[in-house]
Structures are given as structure tokens and as C-alpha cells.
């Protein structure tokens, strides 16, 4: 009877349903080793999300920096092209300047010589003969001029004299430039002469440029010398740079000179001992071609010790 009652109670009372397991919001990654060991890696979803975000940010940054790099590279190429074009323009303008200077030299060389004092002296000889009345009228004037000259002294006599007094050369005025004596115009020029005395080391430094003034800009080669001359005319007191013996004021061994080969210009530098307050007054620059022919001889006045900052030439 007891078993029957129990069975009826079970039939009337429905069996309770088991509790369903709760679902977790995260993922868990399990690593199983060969020995059966299990390693749990929790929050795998968050880990993957962080890595994906880092990858996206890195990709965007790489693309941005790539665009910035290519933009800067393009600007650099444009600037390089502009600089190259500017240099080419400067070179072309410099060549045009040299050509214009050469043309100016040619035009000046082709100009007729100006009327000198000799031409003015010869002009009265070519005038027509005066009439006797004009000669009679001019004679008292000349006589009165001579009488006034005799009374006022030699100063007025020199003033009314037909020949002007000779001009005395300046103290530091350099002699004129002497070109090649063959009648061919020299294709080189010496410019930018600079000299400075250094009292501490008792030396004088000199530099100058040898410029090619050939309109065709053909290369020119040769040798150059610098001669430092004192106030005395004794050539034994002169200093030749580079060292070479002198014959008639010109180095006899041209091979000892400073060599140069120019298409445009070359800067030449020399250094010489400097003793005494005014040891040298004039610097003579000689330029020879490869065959030993004199292309140019030019003189410059040296600076004084009191004014060493400004070059003279």
C-alpha cells in the first residue's frame, strides 16, 4: 500500500526541471598540452579587440606618414629643380656679362685716339695765313702780354706759355699696364688685387684673380709671377714670387712661375716677408703663356700699414 501511495504522489507531482547553466559574456581559450595539462586564457575576446584596434591605428598612421613623405619629397624635388634652374641662370648671366665686358673692351680698343696736346700744338700750323691787318692788330696784344708777364714774374710767364708744365707723377701711382707687344689683344686680365700686411708675423699677403676675357671662353694656360718693388730702383732689392732670376726686370726662368689653367678665372695667392715701415711700394704682376710669351704686365700700389683693411689696386 505504501508503494502505491508513493507512486501516485510521483504521478501527480510533476518532476522539477533542472536549472539551465548561465552563459558567460566572455570567451575562454584553452590550451591542452601533450601531458593533459590545460591552460586557460580568459578574456580572449578583449585581447583580440585590442590588437585589432592597434593594427588599425598603426595602418592609418603609416598611410598618413606615407602621404606626408611623398608630399615632402615632391616639394624637395621642386626646390632642387628651382635651385638648379637658378644656378644655370646665374651662369648664363655671368657668361653674358663677360661677353659684354669683352665687347666693351673691343669697342674701346677700336675707338680713334683722342686729340692730344701735340695735335693742339699742330693745329695753329694748319690754319690759314692771317692778313697783314690782322697781324698788325695781334702784335700789340702779344707785346702787352709779354710785358705783363715780365712784370708779374715767372708764374705768369708759365701761365701764358704755349707749352703746359710737365705733370709730376704721384708718389704711389702705379706705372701703366703693358700688354703683349705683338699687336694681339691680351685675352687675360688681372683684377680684384688685394694686399694686407700682418705685423705680428712680419708678412704681407697678396691675392688677385686672373680672368679669361676671351669672348669665345677658350681655355688659357700659362704661368704668373709677382714682383714686389721698393722705392729704390735696384732690382736686387726686389722680391720675385715664386723665386726666379731676373733679366731686364723679367724672370728668366718662366717654368718657375705659378701655373694656371682657366676657363673663367683663378685666384692666385702669395705670401712674402714684411720688414720695415715701407719696404715695398709697388707690386708688378706678370702673366706668361705656355710658350713663355708675355701676355700681361700690370702694376698695383701696395697699401700702407696704417690702413690694412682696404685693398688698393
C-alpha atoms as a PDB file:
ATOM      1  CA  UNK A   1       0.000   0.000   0.000  1.00  0.00           C
ATOM      2  CA  UNK A   2       2.809   2.344   0.853  1.00  0.00           C
ATOM      3  CA  UNK A   3       4.412   1.765  -2.534  1.00  0.00           C
ATOM      4  CA  UNK A   4       1.134   2.508  -4.272  1.00  0.00           C
ATOM      5  CA  UNK A   5       0.720   5.816  -2.409  1.00  0.00           C
ATOM      6  CA  UNK A   6       4.240   6.823  -3.232  1.00  0.00           C
ATOM      7  CA  UNK A   7       3.753   6.051  -6.897  1.00  0.00           C
ATOM      8  CA  UNK A   8       0.581   8.094  -7.018  1.00  0.00           C
ATOM      9  CA  UNK A   9       2.317  11.044  -5.426  1.00  0.00           C
ATOM     10  CA  UNK A  10       5.062  10.889  -8.030  1.00  0.00           C
ATOM     11  CA  UNK A  11       2.484  10.672 -10.811  1.00  0.00           C
ATOM     12  CA  UNK A  12       0.554  13.674  -9.510  1.00  0.00           C
ATOM     13  CA  UNK A  13       3.645  15.870  -8.762  1.00  0.00           C
ATOM     14  CA  UNK A  14       5.498  16.779 -11.988  1.00  0.00           C
ATOM     15  CA  UNK A  15       9.250  16.397 -11.820  1.00  0.00           C
ATOM     16  CA  UNK A  16      11.147  19.623 -11.335  1.00  0.00           C
ATOM     17  CA  UNK A  17      13.139  20.868 -14.319  1.00  0.00           C
ATOM     18  CA  UNK A  18      16.916  21.171 -13.716  1.00  0.00           C
ATOM     19  CA  UNK A  19      18.457  24.645 -13.610  1.00  0.00           C
ATOM     20  CA  UNK A  20      19.970  25.676 -17.005  1.00  0.00           C
ATOM     21  CA  UNK A  21      23.640  26.829 -16.838  1.00  0.00           C
ATOM     22  CA  UNK A  22      24.309  30.614 -17.097  1.00  0.00           C
ATOM     23  CA  UNK A  23      26.000  31.865 -20.293  1.00  0.00           C
ATOM     24  CA  UNK A  24      29.137  33.964 -19.722  1.00  0.00           C
ATOM     25  CA  UNK A  25      29.741  37.167 -21.768  1.00  0.00           C
ATOM     26  CA  UNK A  26      33.449  36.447 -22.381  1.00  0.00           C
ATOM     27  CA  UNK A  27      35.468  33.924 -24.313  1.00  0.00           C
ATOM     28  CA  UNK A  28      37.937  31.496 -22.830  1.00  0.00           C
ATOM     29  CA  UNK A  29      40.783  29.989 -24.817  1.00  0.00           C
ATOM     30  CA  UNK A  30      42.025  26.599 -23.669  1.00  0.00           C
ATOM     31  CA  UNK A  31      45.449  25.224 -24.444  1.00  0.00           C
ATOM     32  CA  UNK A  32      45.838  21.482 -23.888  1.00  0.00           C
ATOM     33  CA  UNK A  33      49.321  20.080 -23.652  1.00  0.00           C
ATOM     34  CA  UNK A  34      50.519  16.619 -24.647  1.00  0.00           C
ATOM     35  CA  UNK A  35      50.623  15.608 -20.958  1.00  0.00           C
ATOM     36  CA  UNK A  36      46.997  16.634 -20.495  1.00  0.00           C
ATOM     37  CA  UNK A  37      47.732  19.937 -18.843  1.00  0.00           C
ATOM     38  CA  UNK A  38      45.112  22.604 -19.586  1.00  0.00           C
ATOM     39  CA  UNK A  39      45.982  26.278 -19.760  1.00  0.00           C
ATOM     40  CA  UNK A  40      43.087  28.702 -19.672  1.00  0.00           C
ATOM     41  CA  UNK A  41      43.361  32.107 -21.404  1.00  0.00           C
ATOM     42  CA  UNK A  42      40.447  34.165 -20.260  1.00  0.00           C
ATOM     43  CA  UNK A  43      39.178  37.414 -21.841  1.00  0.00           C
ATOM     44  CA  UNK A  44      40.437  36.308 -25.236  1.00  0.00           C
ATOM     45  CA  UNK A  45      37.850  38.467 -26.998  1.00  0.00           C
ATOM     46  CA  UNK A  46      39.112  41.660 -25.311  1.00  0.00           C
ATOM     47  CA  UNK A  47      42.702  40.730 -26.169  1.00  0.00           C
ATOM     48  CA  UNK A  48      41.838  40.240 -29.856  1.00  0.00           C
ATOM     49  CA  UNK A  49      39.861  43.514 -29.871  1.00  0.00           C
ATOM     50  CA  UNK A  50      42.827  45.488 -28.503  1.00  0.00           C
ATOM     51  CA  UNK A  51      45.187  44.017 -31.094  1.00  0.00           C
ATOM     52  CA  UNK A  52      42.755  44.801 -33.929  1.00  0.00           C
ATOM     53  CA  UNK A  53      42.479  48.424 -32.745  1.00  0.00           C
ATOM     54  CA  UNK A  54      46.270  48.753 -32.541  1.00  0.00           C
ATOM     55  CA  UNK A  55      46.633  47.353 -36.046  1.00  0.00           C
ATOM     56  CA  UNK A  56      44.043  49.808 -37.407  1.00  0.00           C
ATOM     57  CA  UNK A  57      45.704  52.794 -35.741  1.00  0.00           C
ATOM     58  CA  UNK A  58      49.146  51.711 -36.996  1.00  0.00           C
ATOM     59  CA  UNK A  59      47.823  51.260 -40.532  1.00  0.00           C
ATOM     60  CA  UNK A  60      46.193  54.693 -40.543  1.00  0.00           C
ATOM     61  CA  UNK A  61      49.374  56.295 -39.190  1.00  0.00           C
ATOM     62  CA  UNK A  62      51.522  54.528 -41.779  1.00  0.00           C
ATOM     63  CA  UNK A  63      49.281  55.685 -44.602  1.00  0.00           C
ATOM     64  CA  UNK A  64      49.279  59.267 -43.276  1.00  0.00           C
ATOM     65  CA  UNK A  65      53.058  59.363 -42.906  1.00  0.00           C
ATOM     66  CA  UNK A  66      53.407  57.860 -46.370  1.00  0.00           C
ATOM     67  CA  UNK A  67      51.329  60.619 -47.935  1.00  0.00           C
ATOM     68  CA  UNK A  68      53.275  63.249 -45.939  1.00  0.00           C
ATOM     69  CA  UNK A  69      56.615  61.749 -47.051  1.00  0.00           C
ATOM     70  CA  UNK A  70      55.680  61.699 -50.725  1.00  0.00           C
ATOM     71  CA  UNK A  71      54.406  65.289 -50.491  1.00  0.00           C
ATOM     72  CA  UNK A  72      57.659  66.474 -48.884  1.00  0.00           C
ATOM     73  CA  UNK A  73      59.719  64.524 -51.425  1.00  0.00           C
ATOM     74  CA  UNK A  74      57.797  66.189 -54.238  1.00  0.00           C
ATOM     75  CA  UNK A  75      58.432  69.620 -52.709  1.00  0.00           C
ATOM     76  CA  UNK A  76      62.140  68.827 -52.318  1.00  0.00           C
ATOM     77  CA  UNK A  77      62.382  67.814 -55.954  1.00  0.00           C
ATOM     78  CA  UNK A  78      60.656  71.031 -56.971  1.00  0.00           C
ATOM     79  CA  UNK A  79      63.067  73.090 -54.837  1.00  0.00           C
ATOM     80  CA  UNK A  80      66.071  71.255 -56.291  1.00  0.00           C
ATOM     81  CA  UNK A  81      64.826  71.940 -59.803  1.00  0.00           C
ATOM     82  CA  UNK A  82      64.329  75.619 -58.914  1.00  0.00           C
ATOM     83  CA  UNK A  83      67.838  75.855 -57.423  1.00  0.00           C
ATOM     84  CA  UNK A  84      69.342  74.149 -60.480  1.00  0.00           C
ATOM     85  CA  UNK A  85      67.465  76.496 -62.798  1.00  0.00           C
ATOM     86  CA  UNK A  86      68.635  79.493 -60.744  1.00  0.00           C
ATOM     87  CA  UNK A  87      72.261  78.352 -60.923  1.00  0.00           C
ATOM     88  CA  UNK A  88      72.008  77.833 -64.644  1.00  0.00           C
ATOM     89  CA  UNK A  89      70.506  81.301 -64.995  1.00  0.00           C
ATOM     90  CA  UNK A  90      73.303  82.809 -62.887  1.00  0.00           C
ATOM     91  CA  UNK A  91      75.908  81.045 -65.021  1.00  0.00           C
ATOM     92  CA  UNK A  92      74.270  82.244 -68.234  1.00  0.00           C
ATOM     93  CA  UNK A  93      74.045  85.815 -66.922  1.00  0.00           C
ATOM     94  CA  UNK A  94      77.684  85.665 -65.853  1.00  0.00           C
ATOM     95  CA  UNK A  95      78.684  84.486 -69.304  1.00  0.00           C
ATOM     96  CA  UNK A  96      76.626  87.267 -70.877  1.00  0.00           C
ATOM     97  CA  UNK A  97      78.325  89.764 -68.558  1.00  0.00           C
ATOM     98  CA  UNK A  98      81.765  88.521 -69.581  1.00  0.00           C
ATOM     99  CA  UNK A  99      80.793  88.695 -73.243  1.00  0.00           C
ATOM    100  CA  UNK A 100      79.508  92.256 -72.793  1.00  0.00           C
ATOM    101  CA  UNK A 101      82.699  93.253 -70.975  1.00  0.00           C
ATOM    102  CA  UNK A 102      84.749  91.770 -73.780  1.00  0.00           C
ATOM    103  CA  UNK A 103      82.677  93.704 -76.319  1.00  0.00           C
ATOM    104  CA  UNK A 104      83.226  96.899 -74.339  1.00  0.00           C
ATOM    105  CA  UNK A 105      86.976  96.266 -74.396  1.00  0.00           C
ATOM    106  CA  UNK A 106      86.838  95.670 -78.141  1.00  0.00           C
ATOM    107  CA  UNK A 107      84.831  98.842 -78.727  1.00  0.00           C
ATOM    108  CA  UNK A 108      87.217 100.900 -76.614  1.00  0.00           C
ATOM    109  CA  UNK A 109      90.158  99.414 -78.468  1.00  0.00           C
ATOM    110  CA  UNK A 110      88.601 100.354 -81.814  1.00  0.00           C
ATOM    111  CA  UNK A 111      87.862 103.959 -80.815  1.00  0.00           C
ATOM    112  CA  UNK A 112      90.053 106.596 -82.519  1.00  0.00           C
ATOM    113  CA  UNK A 113      92.643 108.160 -80.208  1.00  0.00           C
ATOM    114  CA  UNK A 114      91.621 111.434 -78.579  1.00  0.00           C
ATOM    115  CA  UNK A 115      93.289 114.639 -79.576  1.00  0.00           C
ATOM    116  CA  UNK A 116      96.425 115.012 -77.533  1.00  0.00           C
ATOM    117  CA  UNK A 117      98.416 118.124 -76.709  1.00  0.00           C
ATOM    118  CA  UNK A 118     100.544 117.571 -79.804  1.00  0.00           C
ATOM    119  CA  UNK A 119      97.508 117.775 -82.027  1.00  0.00           C
ATOM    120  CA  UNK A 120      96.515 121.056 -80.421  1.00  0.00           C
ATOM    121  CA  UNK A 121     100.013 122.365 -80.914  1.00  0.00           C
ATOM    122  CA  UNK A 122      99.963 121.416 -84.589  1.00  0.00           C
ATOM    123  CA  UNK A 123      96.524 122.925 -85.154  1.00  0.00           C
ATOM    124  CA  UNK A 124      97.735 126.563 -85.463  1.00  0.00           C
ATOM    125  CA  UNK A 125     100.150 125.469 -88.187  1.00  0.00           C
ATOM    126  CA  UNK A 126      97.261 124.265 -90.329  1.00  0.00           C
ATOM    127  CA  UNK A 127      95.274 127.471 -90.013  1.00  0.00           C
ATOM    128  CA  UNK A 128      95.105 129.842 -92.903  1.00  0.00           C
ATOM    129  CA  UNK A 129      97.520 132.714 -93.048  1.00  0.00           C
ATOM    130  CA  UNK A 130      96.355 135.918 -91.445  1.00  0.00           C
ATOM    131  CA  UNK A 131      96.074 139.143 -93.330  1.00  0.00           C
ATOM    132  CA  UNK A 132      98.590 141.975 -92.648  1.00  0.00           C
ATOM    133  CA  UNK A 133      95.881 143.935 -90.838  1.00  0.00           C
ATOM    134  CA  UNK A 134      95.141 141.023 -88.507  1.00  0.00           C
ATOM    135  CA  UNK A 135      98.866 140.540 -87.840  1.00  0.00           C
ATOM    136  CA  UNK A 136      99.272 144.225 -87.044  1.00  0.00           C
ATOM    137  CA  UNK A 137      96.280 144.084 -84.725  1.00  0.00           C
ATOM    138  CA  UNK A 138      97.520 140.982 -82.933  1.00  0.00           C
ATOM    139  CA  UNK A 139     101.114 142.208 -82.455  1.00  0.00           C
ATOM    140  CA  UNK A 140     100.362 144.850 -79.753  1.00  0.00           C
ATOM    141  CA  UNK A 141      98.317 142.314 -77.830  1.00  0.00           C
ATOM    142  CA  UNK A 142     101.174 139.811 -77.794  1.00  0.00           C
ATOM    143  CA  UNK A 143     103.679 142.524 -76.822  1.00  0.00           C
ATOM    144  CA  UNK A 144     101.478 143.758 -73.999  1.00  0.00           C
ATOM    145  CA  UNK A 145     101.116 140.166 -72.771  1.00  0.00           C
ATOM    146  CA  UNK A 146     104.872 139.698 -72.728  1.00  0.00           C
ATOM    147  CA  UNK A 147     105.352 142.992 -70.856  1.00  0.00           C
ATOM    148  CA  UNK A 148     102.815 141.953 -68.201  1.00  0.00           C
ATOM    149  CA  UNK A 149     104.500 138.570 -67.929  1.00  0.00           C
ATOM    150  CA  UNK A 150     107.914 140.202 -67.383  1.00  0.00           C
ATOM    151  CA  UNK A 151     106.458 142.400 -64.612  1.00  0.00           C
ATOM    152  CA  UNK A 152     104.486 139.703 -62.762  1.00  0.00           C
ATOM    153  CA  UNK A 153     107.288 137.151 -62.741  1.00  0.00           C
ATOM    154  CA  UNK A 154     107.833 133.586 -63.839  1.00  0.00           C
ATOM    155  CA  UNK A 155     104.484 132.346 -62.536  1.00  0.00           C
ATOM    156  CA  UNK A 156     102.505 134.368 -65.093  1.00  0.00           C
ATOM    157  CA  UNK A 157     105.028 133.565 -67.792  1.00  0.00           C
ATOM    158  CA  UNK A 158     104.387 129.882 -67.229  1.00  0.00           C
ATOM    159  CA  UNK A 159     100.658 130.530 -67.267  1.00  0.00           C
ATOM    160  CA  UNK A 160     100.703 132.202 -70.696  1.00  0.00           C
ATOM    161  CA  UNK A 161     103.337 129.897 -72.150  1.00  0.00           C
ATOM    162  CA  UNK A 162     102.300 127.787 -75.083  1.00  0.00           C
ATOM    163  CA  UNK A 163     103.682 124.564 -73.524  1.00  0.00           C
ATOM    164  CA  UNK A 164     101.955 123.463 -70.292  1.00  0.00           C
ATOM    165  CA  UNK A 165     104.198 122.461 -67.360  1.00  0.00           C
ATOM    166  CA  UNK A 166     105.012 118.766 -67.159  1.00  0.00           C
ATOM    167  CA  UNK A 167     102.859 116.722 -64.793  1.00  0.00           C
ATOM    168  CA  UNK A 168     104.740 115.228 -61.892  1.00  0.00           C
ATOM    169  CA  UNK A 169     103.904 111.557 -61.198  1.00  0.00           C
ATOM    170  CA  UNK A 170     102.101 110.775 -57.976  1.00  0.00           C
ATOM    171  CA  UNK A 171     104.018 109.158 -55.178  1.00  0.00           C
ATOM    172  CA  UNK A 172     102.145 105.855 -55.192  1.00  0.00           C
ATOM    173  CA  UNK A 173     100.787 105.980 -58.740  1.00  0.00           C
ATOM    174  CA  UNK A 174     101.461 102.610 -60.419  1.00  0.00           C
ATOM    175  CA  UNK A 175     103.063 102.503 -63.858  1.00  0.00           C
ATOM    176  CA  UNK A 176     100.769 101.875 -66.816  1.00  0.00           C
ATOM    177  CA  UNK A 177      99.755  98.401 -67.921  1.00  0.00           C
ATOM    178  CA  UNK A 178     101.945  96.827 -70.580  1.00  0.00           C
ATOM    179  CA  UNK A 179     100.245  94.380 -72.893  1.00  0.00           C
ATOM    180  CA  UNK A 180     101.772  91.847 -75.244  1.00  0.00           C
ATOM    181  CA  UNK A 181     103.974  93.559 -77.796  1.00  0.00           C
ATOM    182  CA  UNK A 182     102.888  91.505 -80.797  1.00  0.00           C
ATOM    183  CA  UNK A 183      99.887  93.698 -81.520  1.00  0.00           C
ATOM    184  CA  UNK A 184      97.422  90.965 -80.480  1.00  0.00           C
ATOM    185  CA  UNK A 185      94.997  91.929 -77.739  1.00  0.00           C
ATOM    186  CA  UNK A 186      95.644  90.098 -74.469  1.00  0.00           C
ATOM    187  CA  UNK A 187      92.953  87.588 -73.569  1.00  0.00           C
ATOM    188  CA  UNK A 188      93.632  87.738 -69.825  1.00  0.00           C
ATOM    189  CA  UNK A 189      93.067  90.437 -67.224  1.00  0.00           C
ATOM    190  CA  UNK A 190      94.231  90.841 -63.632  1.00  0.00           C
ATOM    191  CA  UNK A 191      91.622  92.144 -61.210  1.00  0.00           C
ATOM    192  CA  UNK A 192      90.497  92.080 -57.555  1.00  0.00           C
ATOM    193  CA  UNK A 193      94.003  92.845 -56.329  1.00  0.00           C
ATOM    194  CA  UNK A 194      94.207  92.692 -52.527  1.00  0.00           C
ATOM    195  CA  UNK A 195      97.143  93.041 -50.146  1.00  0.00           C
ATOM    196  CA  UNK A 196      97.323  93.093 -46.367  1.00  0.00           C
ATOM    197  CA  UNK A 197     100.263  93.395 -44.008  1.00  0.00           C
ATOM    198  CA  UNK A 198     100.428  91.275 -40.853  1.00  0.00           C
ATOM    199  CA  UNK A 199     102.753  92.981 -38.333  1.00  0.00           C
ATOM    200  CA  UNK A 200     102.524  90.060 -35.899  1.00  0.00           C
ATOM    201  CA  UNK A 201     104.121  87.636 -38.345  1.00  0.00           C
ATOM    202  CA  UNK A 202     106.024  90.285 -40.385  1.00  0.00           C
ATOM    203  CA  UNK A 203     104.457  89.027 -43.598  1.00  0.00           C
ATOM    204  CA  UNK A 204     102.403  90.537 -46.382  1.00  0.00           C
ATOM    205  CA  UNK A 205      99.680  88.529 -48.092  1.00  0.00           C
ATOM    206  CA  UNK A 206      98.651  89.274 -51.666  1.00  0.00           C
ATOM    207  CA  UNK A 207      95.964  87.742 -53.817  1.00  0.00           C
ATOM    208  CA  UNK A 208      94.498  88.552 -57.213  1.00  0.00           C
ATOM    209  CA  UNK A 209      92.402  86.987 -59.949  1.00  0.00           C
ATOM    210  CA  UNK A 210      93.496  86.113 -63.455  1.00  0.00           C
ATOM    211  CA  UNK A 211      90.352  86.314 -65.588  1.00  0.00           C
ATOM    212  CA  UNK A 212      89.796  84.966 -69.074  1.00  0.00           C
ATOM    213  CA  UNK A 213      88.262  87.740 -71.187  1.00  0.00           C
ATOM    214  CA  UNK A 214      88.212  85.768 -74.419  1.00  0.00           C
ATOM    215  CA  UNK A 215      84.746  86.241 -75.985  1.00  0.00           C
ATOM    216  CA  UNK A 216      84.787  82.580 -77.037  1.00  0.00           C
ATOM    217  CA  UNK A 217      85.792  81.453 -73.494  1.00  0.00           C
ATOM    218  CA  UNK A 218      88.596  79.272 -74.819  1.00  0.00           C
ATOM    219  CA  UNK A 219      90.758  77.761 -72.046  1.00  0.00           C
ATOM    220  CA  UNK A 220      94.002  79.631 -71.389  1.00  0.00           C
ATOM    221  CA  UNK A 221      97.051  78.192 -69.641  1.00  0.00           C
ATOM    222  CA  UNK A 222     100.252  79.827 -68.541  1.00  0.00           C
ATOM    223  CA  UNK A 223     102.319  80.996 -65.588  1.00  0.00           C
ATOM    224  CA  UNK A 224     102.323  84.118 -63.451  1.00  0.00           C
ATOM    225  CA  UNK A 225     104.863  85.945 -61.282  1.00  0.00           C
ATOM    226  CA  UNK A 226     104.567  88.619 -58.588  1.00  0.00           C
ATOM    227  CA  UNK A 227     107.409  91.129 -58.163  1.00  0.00           C
ATOM    228  CA  UNK A 228     107.482  93.319 -55.044  1.00  0.00           C
ATOM    229  CA  UNK A 229     109.415  96.534 -55.692  1.00  0.00           C
ATOM    230  CA  UNK A 230     110.684  99.006 -53.142  1.00  0.00           C
ATOM    231  CA  UNK A 231     111.205 102.721 -53.650  1.00  0.00           C
ATOM    232  CA  UNK A 232     114.706 102.074 -54.906  1.00  0.00           C
ATOM    233  CA  UNK A 233     115.293 101.083 -58.496  1.00  0.00           C
ATOM    234  CA  UNK A 234     117.842  98.409 -57.597  1.00  0.00           C
ATOM    235  CA  UNK A 235     116.429  95.085 -58.880  1.00  0.00           C
ATOM    236  CA  UNK A 236     118.498  93.243 -56.290  1.00  0.00           C
ATOM    237  CA  UNK A 237     116.120  94.583 -53.639  1.00  0.00           C
ATOM    238  CA  UNK A 238     113.069  93.213 -55.424  1.00  0.00           C
ATOM    239  CA  UNK A 239     111.339  90.005 -54.347  1.00  0.00           C
ATOM    240  CA  UNK A 240     110.120  87.620 -57.043  1.00  0.00           C
ATOM    241  CA  UNK A 241     107.347  85.147 -56.187  1.00  0.00           C
ATOM    242  CA  UNK A 242     107.850  82.327 -56.976  1.00  0.00           C
ATOM    243  CA  UNK A 243     111.641  82.716 -56.815  1.00  0.00           C
ATOM    244  CA  UNK A 244     113.321  83.152 -60.195  1.00  0.00           C
ATOM    245  CA  UNK A 245     116.316  85.133 -61.518  1.00  0.00           C
ATOM    246  CA  UNK A 246     115.583  88.449 -63.208  1.00  0.00           C
ATOM    247  CA  UNK A 247     116.866  89.677 -66.550  1.00  0.00           C
ATOM    248  CA  UNK A 248     115.879  93.229 -67.510  1.00  0.00           C
ATOM    249  CA  UNK A 249     113.191  93.179 -64.828  1.00  0.00           C
ATOM    250  CA  UNK A 250     111.561  89.988 -66.143  1.00  0.00           C
ATOM    251  CA  UNK A 251     112.052  86.444 -64.766  1.00  0.00           C
ATOM    252  CA  UNK A 252     114.341  84.441 -66.995  1.00  0.00           C
ATOM    253  CA  UNK A 253     113.022  81.021 -65.935  1.00  0.00           C
ATOM    254  CA  UNK A 254     109.337  81.041 -66.821  1.00  0.00           C
ATOM    255  CA  UNK A 255     108.904  77.453 -65.636  1.00  0.00           C
ATOM    256  CA  UNK A 256     109.302  78.602 -62.036  1.00  0.00           C
ATOM    257  CA  UNK A 257     106.098  80.665 -62.204  1.00  0.00           C
ATOM    258  CA  UNK A 258     102.765  79.790 -60.633  1.00  0.00           C
ATOM    259  CA  UNK A 259     100.916  77.739 -63.231  1.00  0.00           C
ATOM    260  CA  UNK A 260      97.245  78.291 -64.075  1.00  0.00           C
ATOM    261  CA  UNK A 261      94.692  76.917 -66.500  1.00  0.00           C
ATOM    262  CA  UNK A 262      91.459  78.875 -66.646  1.00  0.00           C
ATOM    263  CA  UNK A 263      88.187  78.962 -68.478  1.00  0.00           C
ATOM    264  CA  UNK A 264      86.821  81.839 -66.419  1.00  0.00           C
ATOM    265  CA  UNK A 265      89.183  82.893 -63.626  1.00  0.00           C
ATOM    266  CA  UNK A 266      91.590  81.661 -60.966  1.00  0.00           C
ATOM    267  CA  UNK A 267      92.630  83.239 -57.659  1.00  0.00           C
ATOM    268  CA  UNK A 268      96.399  83.425 -57.061  1.00  0.00           C
ATOM    269  CA  UNK A 269      97.795  83.856 -53.531  1.00  0.00           C
ATOM    270  CA  UNK A 270     101.317  84.769 -52.386  1.00  0.00           C
ATOM    271  CA  UNK A 271     102.979  85.455 -49.046  1.00  0.00           C
ATOM    272  CA  UNK A 272     106.234  87.343 -48.560  1.00  0.00           C
ATOM    273  CA  UNK A 273     108.302  88.585 -45.597  1.00  0.00           C
ATOM    274  CA  UNK A 274     107.499  92.121 -44.487  1.00  0.00           C
ATOM    275  CA  UNK A 275     110.212  94.146 -42.723  1.00  0.00           C
ATOM    276  CA  UNK A 276     110.456  97.866 -42.091  1.00  0.00           C
ATOM    277  CA  UNK A 277     107.762 100.544 -42.195  1.00  0.00           C
ATOM    278  CA  UNK A 278     107.551 100.823 -46.009  1.00  0.00           C
ATOM    279  CA  UNK A 279     109.605  98.057 -47.597  1.00  0.00           C
ATOM    280  CA  UNK A 280     107.538  97.742 -50.781  1.00  0.00           C
ATOM    281  CA  UNK A 281     105.620 100.337 -52.738  1.00  0.00           C
ATOM    282  CA  UNK A 282     104.609  98.587 -55.961  1.00  0.00           C
ATOM    283  CA  UNK A 283     103.539  95.067 -56.894  1.00  0.00           C
ATOM    284  CA  UNK A 284     104.081  94.037 -60.516  1.00  0.00           C
ATOM    285  CA  UNK A 285     102.105  91.092 -61.866  1.00  0.00           C
ATOM    286  CA  UNK A 286     103.420  89.275 -64.933  1.00  0.00           C
ATOM    287  CA  UNK A 287     101.355  86.766 -66.899  1.00  0.00           C
ATOM    288  CA  UNK A 288     103.014  84.493 -69.478  1.00  0.00           C
ATOM    289  CA  UNK A 289     101.605  81.912 -71.850  1.00  0.00           C
ATOM    290  CA  UNK A 290     102.828  78.325 -72.045  1.00  0.00           C
ATOM    291  CA  UNK A 291     105.444  79.300 -74.638  1.00  0.00           C
ATOM    292  CA  UNK A 292     106.964  81.967 -72.404  1.00  0.00           C
ATOM    293  CA  UNK A 293     105.411  84.935 -74.192  1.00  0.00           C
ATOM    294  CA  UNK A 294     104.388  87.897 -72.046  1.00  0.00           C
ATOM    295  CA  UNK A 295     100.602  88.253 -72.068  1.00  0.00           C
ATOM    296  CA  UNK A 296     100.183  90.993 -69.490  1.00  0.00           C
ATOM    297  CA  UNK A 297     102.200  93.141 -67.111  1.00  0.00           C
ATOM    298  CA  UNK A 298     100.246  95.167 -64.575  1.00  0.00           C
ATOM    299  CA  UNK A 299     101.317  97.228 -61.570  1.00  0.00           C
ATOM    300  CA  UNK A 300      99.490  97.930 -58.317  1.00  0.00           C
ATOM    301  CA  UNK A 301     100.296 100.231 -55.419  1.00  0.00           C
ATOM    302  CA  UNK A 302     100.559  98.412 -52.103  1.00  0.00           C
ATOM    303  CA  UNK A 303      98.649  99.535 -49.031  1.00  0.00           C
ATOM    304  CA  UNK A 304     100.227 101.194 -46.013  1.00  0.00           C
ATOM    305  CA  UNK A 305     100.410  99.615 -42.597  1.00  0.00           C
ATOM    306  CA  UNK A 306      98.099 102.283 -41.197  1.00  0.00           C
ATOM    307  CA  UNK A 307      95.259 101.187 -43.488  1.00  0.00           C
ATOM    308  CA  UNK A 308      95.420  97.433 -43.807  1.00  0.00           C
ATOM    309  CA  UNK A 309      91.723  96.772 -44.173  1.00  0.00           C
ATOM    310  CA  UNK A 310      91.151  98.347 -47.569  1.00  0.00           C
ATOM    311  CA  UNK A 311      92.811  96.909 -50.710  1.00  0.00           C
ATOM    312  CA  UNK A 312      94.287  99.172 -53.364  1.00  0.00           C
ATOM    313  CA  UNK A 313      94.846  98.394 -56.930  1.00  0.00           C
END
